[in-house]
Amino acid sequence: MKSSALTSPRAEASRPSWGAKHGLLGWFGRRRAGTGASAGLPTYPPIDAKTVIYAVGDIHGRADLLQHVHGLIERDWQERPAARRLEVYLGDYVDRGPDSASVVSTLRKRSGKCRIMALRGNHEAVLLRFLEGRIPDREWLEWGGAATALSYGVSPSREAIVSAALSRAIPLEDMEFLRGLRASYRYGPYFFAHAGVLPNRPLEEQVAEDLLWIRKPFLEHTASFGAIVVHGHTPNAEPQLRPNRINLDTGAYATHRLTCLRVDSSGAAVIGTDTQ
């Protein structure tokens, strides 16, 4: 029987199938219709005129795409600056893509150059559990962890205990960064979390399990959450722009597309890409 270590019980029933029969790209294709805002984009509330927030979707080891998005942010900032700037990263920095180590290192170093708010994704939560020996090597590797191990110079085929070897290979600074990730962040009328929130529960009372893992109850909710929820976790071919939430996970490791949202005094809009 498959262990439940890598899934939340509440999220498991609505988790998409990643089976080899169709593959992730096929799943994206089936979800393409209706994933973006169609006839008219929702109107999102403004924040104060002195602040600009850039929110970035799930990266999953794509250091090259992260570098590209940083270039987009810098160009956008030069064209439309403000007194304060904050970059919010929505989690899932590791696994599946080829360079998790560089993604973590890049974000850690960027925090010394500008203000960032790096949130924890379910993949970071699972990685930490794996390093504590609470998840079997084989299960974590099959879930996308093999790419993370290789990016830190650990070859799973050559190690008797991969978790122990990876614990030795990950720099202390990276471990401190991963352990210090927050589960959520709120700024005015916007609430940022990796997966979403549990509907009808006050935002200040949300729990980590939902913030990192939730899908169906959150995605199917059409009423207000008390703020616009900016999230990732559930990949789509296009960013989802809904009246009550904005999904920035565009499956970067498979689609080669990493999405960035700008939030400012005029509302919220995706930068550097089409949203149709």
Protein backbone atom coordinates (compact mmCIF):
# COMPACT_ATOMS: atom_id res chain seq x y z
CA MET A 1 0.00 0.00 0.00
CA LYS A 2 1.23 3.46 -0.83
CA SER A 3 2.33 5.49 2.17
CA SER A 4 0.37 8.62 3.02
CA ALA A 5 3.53 10.49 4.00
CA LEU A 6 3.60 12.56 0.85
CA THR A 7 -0.01 13.67 0.80
CA SER A 8 -2.48 15.41 3.06
CA PRO A 9 -5.59 13.31 3.72
CA ARG A 10 -7.82 16.27 2.85
CA ALA A 11 -5.97 16.98 -0.39
CA GLU A 12 -5.48 13.42 -1.61
CA ALA A 13 -8.96 12.90 -3.01
CA SER A 14 -8.67 15.89 -5.31
CA ARG A 15 -5.04 15.51 -6.32
CA PRO A 16 -4.63 15.17 -10.11
CA SER A 17 -3.38 11.92 -11.59
CA TRP A 18 0.29 11.99 -12.61
CA GLY A 19 0.16 8.53 -14.24
CA ALA A 20 2.31 7.67 -17.20
CA LYS A 21 -0.71 6.89 -19.39
CA HIS A 22 -1.43 10.55 -20.10
CA GLY A 23 1.47 12.43 -18.53
CA LEU A 24 1.55 15.89 -17.07
CA LEU A 25 1.57 17.69 -20.40
CA GLY A 26 -1.53 15.79 -21.45
CA TRP A 27 -3.22 16.83 -18.24
CA PHE A 28 -2.32 20.47 -18.98
CA GLY A 29 -3.88 20.09 -22.40
CA ARG A 30 -7.12 18.81 -20.96
CA ARG A 31 -7.22 21.72 -18.50
CA ARG A 32 -6.33 24.46 -20.99
CA ALA A 33 -9.89 25.37 -21.87
CA GLY A 34 -11.29 27.83 -19.38
CA THR A 35 -8.18 28.10 -17.21
CA GLY A 36 -7.62 31.79 -17.81
CA ALA A 37 -10.03 34.65 -17.42
CA SER A 38 -11.96 34.77 -20.67
CA ALA A 39 -14.41 37.48 -21.69
CA GLY A 40 -13.28 40.02 -19.11
CA LEU A 41 -10.55 40.01 -16.51
CA PRO A 42 -11.68 40.38 -12.89
CA THR A 43 -11.06 43.72 -11.23
CA TYR A 44 -8.66 43.32 -8.31
CA PRO A 45 -8.37 45.73 -5.37
CA PRO A 46 -5.46 48.19 -5.13
CA ILE A 47 -2.85 48.38 -2.41
CA ASP A 48 -1.17 51.55 -1.19
CA ALA A 49 0.56 53.70 -3.80
CA LYS A 50 3.98 53.37 -2.14
CA THR A 51 4.22 49.58 -2.48
CA VAL A 52 4.63 47.09 -5.32
CA ILE A 53 4.44 43.34 -4.72
CA TYR A 54 5.74 40.77 -7.20
CA ALA A 55 4.41 37.23 -6.61
CA VAL A 56 6.04 34.24 -8.33
CA GLY A 57 4.50 30.81 -8.89
CA ASP A 58 5.89 27.30 -8.36
CA ILE A 59 9.51 27.06 -9.58
CA HIS A 60 10.32 23.34 -9.12
CA GLY A 61 14.03 23.42 -9.84
CA ARG A 62 13.89 25.70 -12.87
CA ALA A 63 16.69 28.09 -11.95
CA ASP A 64 16.85 29.28 -15.55
CA LEU A 65 13.22 30.42 -15.49
CA LEU A 66 13.74 32.06 -12.11
CA GLN A 67 16.62 34.06 -13.54
CA HIS A 68 14.39 35.11 -16.44
CA VAL A 69 11.62 36.23 -14.08
CA HIS A 70 14.10 38.22 -12.04
CA GLY A 71 15.01 40.03 -15.26
CA LEU A 72 11.33 40.75 -15.91
CA ILE A 73 10.92 42.09 -12.38
CA GLU A 74 13.93 44.38 -12.70
CA ARG A 75 12.74 45.80 -16.02
CA ASP A 76 9.22 46.28 -14.74
CA TRP A 77 10.52 47.97 -11.59
CA GLN A 78 12.64 50.39 -13.59
CA GLU A 79 9.62 51.36 -15.68
CA ARG A 80 7.15 51.59 -12.78
CA PRO A 81 8.98 52.09 -9.48
CA ALA A 82 7.51 52.88 -6.07
CA ALA A 83 8.87 53.59 -2.60
CA ARG A 84 8.73 49.95 -1.47
CA ARG A 85 9.06 46.62 -3.25
CA LEU A 86 8.35 43.11 -1.98
CA GLU A 87 8.82 39.80 -3.80
CA VAL A 88 6.62 36.92 -2.64
CA TYR A 89 7.51 33.37 -3.67
CA LEU A 90 4.70 30.84 -3.37
CA GLY A 91 6.70 27.71 -2.58
CA ASP A 92 7.68 24.47 -4.33
CA TYR A 93 11.22 25.54 -5.12
CA VAL A 94 12.54 21.96 -5.16
CA ASP A 95 11.92 18.61 -6.92
CA ARG A 96 11.15 17.58 -10.51
CA GLY A 97 13.14 20.31 -12.29
CA PRO A 98 16.92 20.01 -12.83
CA ASP A 99 18.39 22.60 -10.43
CA SER A 100 16.68 22.80 -7.05
CA ALA A 101 19.98 23.63 -5.34
CA SER A 102 20.46 26.74 -7.49
CA VAL A 103 16.87 27.85 -6.93
CA VAL A 104 17.23 27.68 -3.15
CA SER A 105 20.64 29.37 -3.27
CA THR A 106 19.36 32.11 -5.58
CA LEU A 107 16.39 32.92 -3.37
CA ARG A 108 18.50 32.85 -0.23
CA LYS A 109 21.04 35.26 -1.73
CA ARG A 110 18.32 37.48 -3.18
CA SER A 111 16.95 38.04 0.32
CA GLY A 112 20.17 39.91 1.03
CA LYS A 113 19.62 42.25 -1.93
CA CYS A 114 15.92 43.05 -1.71
CA ARG A 115 12.97 42.29 0.51
CA ILE A 116 11.46 38.90 -0.21
CA MET A 117 8.81 36.76 1.47
CA ALA A 118 9.49 33.11 0.65
CA LEU A 119 6.60 30.82 1.53
CA ARG A 120 6.73 27.10 2.16
CA GLY A 121 5.28 24.70 -0.39
CA ASN A 122 4.28 21.11 0.23
CA HIS A 123 7.47 19.95 -1.51
CA GLU A 124 9.65 21.87 0.95
CA ALA A 125 7.63 20.43 3.84
CA VAL A 126 8.11 16.90 2.49
CA LEU A 127 11.83 17.48 1.87
CA LEU A 128 12.34 18.46 5.50
CA ARG A 129 10.44 15.39 6.66
CA PHE A 130 12.53 13.24 4.35
CA LEU A 131 15.76 14.64 5.76
CA GLU A 132 14.50 13.76 9.24
CA GLY A 133 14.13 10.13 8.13
CA ARG A 134 10.33 10.18 8.29
CA ILE A 135 9.78 9.25 4.61
CA PRO A 136 11.32 6.23 2.82
CA ASP A 137 14.02 7.00 0.26
CA ARG A 138 12.26 5.27 -2.61
CA GLU A 139 8.96 7.09 -2.10
CA TRP A 140 10.57 10.53 -1.95
CA LEU A 141 12.76 9.84 -4.99
CA GLU A 142 9.77 8.73 -7.07
CA TRP A 143 7.87 11.85 -6.05
CA GLY A 144 10.38 14.12 -7.78
CA GLY A 145 13.10 14.13 -5.16
CA ALA A 146 15.70 12.40 -7.30
CA ALA A 147 16.23 15.65 -9.22
CA THR A 148 16.77 17.52 -5.95
CA ALA A 149 19.32 14.97 -4.73
CA LEU A 150 21.25 15.14 -8.00
CA SER A 151 21.28 18.94 -7.93
CA TYR A 152 23.12 18.76 -4.58
CA GLY A 153 25.62 16.24 -5.97
CA VAL A 154 24.02 13.17 -4.40
CA SER A 155 23.54 10.18 -6.71
CA PRO A 156 20.67 8.05 -5.32
CA SER A 157 22.00 4.92 -7.01
CA ARG A 158 25.28 5.19 -5.12
CA GLU A 159 23.95 5.89 -1.63
CA ALA A 160 22.70 3.31 0.86
CA ILE A 161 20.70 5.97 2.74
CA VAL A 162 19.88 8.91 0.48
CA SER A 163 18.38 11.06 3.24
CA ALA A 164 21.60 10.90 5.25
CA ALA A 165 23.77 11.71 2.24
CA LEU A 166 21.55 14.62 1.25
CA SER A 167 21.57 15.99 4.79
CA ARG A 168 25.35 16.15 4.59
CA ALA A 169 25.31 17.71 1.11
CA ILE A 170 22.84 20.56 1.64
CA PRO A 171 24.66 23.68 2.91
CA LEU A 172 23.70 24.88 6.39
CA GLU A 173 22.56 28.20 4.91
CA ASP A 174 20.12 26.40 2.61
CA MET A 175 18.76 24.35 5.52
CA GLU A 176 18.19 27.48 7.57
CA PHE A 177 16.40 29.05 4.62
CA LEU A 178 14.13 26.02 4.17
CA ARG A 179 13.32 25.76 7.87
CA GLY A 180 12.51 29.45 8.07
CA LEU A 181 9.87 29.50 5.33
CA ARG A 182 6.46 30.85 6.33
CA ALA A 183 3.14 29.18 5.53
CA SER A 184 1.30 32.36 4.52
CA TYR A 185 1.53 36.13 4.24
CA ARG A 186 -1.10 38.85 4.07
CA TYR A 187 -0.79 42.37 2.70
CA GLY A 188 -3.98 44.42 2.73
CA PRO A 189 -6.64 42.79 0.54
CA TYR A 190 -4.28 40.00 -0.64
CA PHE A 191 -3.47 36.71 1.10
CA PHE A 192 -0.57 34.63 -0.20
CA ALA A 193 -0.26 30.86 0.40
CA HIS A 194 1.13 27.94 -1.53
CA ALA A 195 -2.01 25.85 -2.05
CA GLY A 196 -4.92 27.99 -0.86
CA VAL A 197 -7.16 28.22 2.18
CA LEU A 198 -10.05 26.32 3.71
CA PRO A 199 -13.25 28.16 2.75
CA ASN A 200 -15.36 29.68 5.52
CA ARG A 201 -12.49 29.63 8.01
CA PRO A 202 -11.08 33.07 8.95
CA LEU A 203 -7.75 33.73 7.26
CA GLU A 204 -6.03 34.28 10.60
CA GLU A 205 -7.16 30.81 11.72
CA GLN A 206 -5.92 28.80 8.72
CA VAL A 207 -3.75 25.78 9.45
CA ALA A 208 -0.58 24.65 7.67
CA GLU A 209 -2.12 21.44 6.27
CA ASP A 210 -4.61 23.43 4.21
CA LEU A 211 -2.21 26.24 3.29
CA LEU A 212 0.23 23.69 1.83
CA TRP A 213 -2.02 20.96 0.46
CA ILE A 214 -5.64 21.96 -0.17
CA ARG A 215 -7.21 21.65 -3.61
CA LYS A 216 -10.85 20.80 -4.30
CA PRO A 217 -12.70 22.62 -1.48
CA PHE A 218 -10.67 25.74 -2.18
CA LEU A 219 -10.66 25.60 -5.98
CA GLU A 220 -14.41 25.01 -6.20
CA HIS A 221 -15.33 27.82 -3.81
CA THR A 222 -16.75 30.85 -5.64
CA ALA A 223 -17.52 33.19 -2.75
CA SER A 224 -15.08 35.55 -1.06
CA PHE A 225 -12.32 34.22 1.18
CA GLY A 226 -12.01 37.55 2.97
CA ALA A 227 -9.14 38.58 0.67
CA ILE A 228 -7.89 37.75 -2.82
CA VAL A 229 -5.92 34.51 -2.36
CA VAL A 230 -2.77 34.35 -4.49
CA HIS A 231 -1.58 30.76 -4.70
CA GLY A 232 0.08 27.98 -6.70
CA HIS A 233 0.15 24.20 -6.11
CA THR A 234 -2.40 23.21 -8.79
CA PRO A 235 -0.75 23.55 -12.23
CA ASN A 236 -2.57 24.97 -15.22
CA ALA A 237 -1.47 25.84 -18.73
CA GLU A 238 -2.33 29.49 -18.03
CA PRO A 239 -2.55 31.54 -14.84
CA GLN A 240 -6.05 31.40 -13.39
CA LEU A 241 -7.56 34.83 -12.72
CA ARG A 242 -10.70 34.39 -10.65
CA PRO A 243 -12.69 37.03 -8.76
CA ASN A 244 -11.69 35.50 -5.41
CA ARG A 245 -8.26 33.96 -6.17
CA ILE A 246 -5.29 34.04 -8.53
CA ASN A 247 -3.41 30.82 -9.37
CA LEU A 248 0.17 31.38 -10.55
CA ASP A 249 1.27 27.75 -10.94
CA THR A 250 1.83 27.25 -14.66
CA GLY A 251 3.83 24.02 -14.29
CA ALA A 252 7.22 25.60 -14.89
CA TYR A 253 9.24 22.38 -14.92
CA ALA A 254 7.07 20.88 -17.68
CA THR A 255 5.80 23.92 -19.60
CA HIS A 256 8.94 26.10 -19.34
CA ARG A 257 6.70 28.91 -18.10
CA LEU A 258 7.12 30.60 -14.72
CA THR A 259 4.48 33.21 -13.94
CA CYS A 260 4.88 36.49 -12.06
CA LEU A 261 2.10 38.78 -10.80
CA ARG A 262 2.44 42.49 -10.03
CA VAL A 263 0.20 43.94 -7.30
CA ASP A 264 0.10 47.72 -6.91
CA SER A 265 -2.15 50.75 -6.55
CA SER A 266 -3.99 49.83 -9.75
CA GLY A 267 -4.75 46.23 -8.72
CA ALA A 268 -3.10 43.03 -9.92
CA ALA A 269 -1.88 41.80 -13.32
CA VAL A 270 0.49 39.19 -14.71
CA ILE A 271 3.70 40.64 -16.15
CA GLY A 272 5.81 39.42 -19.06
CA THR A 273 3.24 37.03 -20.51
CA ASP A 274 -0.25 36.75 -21.97
CA THR A 275 -3.11 35.59 -19.75
CA GLN A 276 -5.55 34.40 -22.41
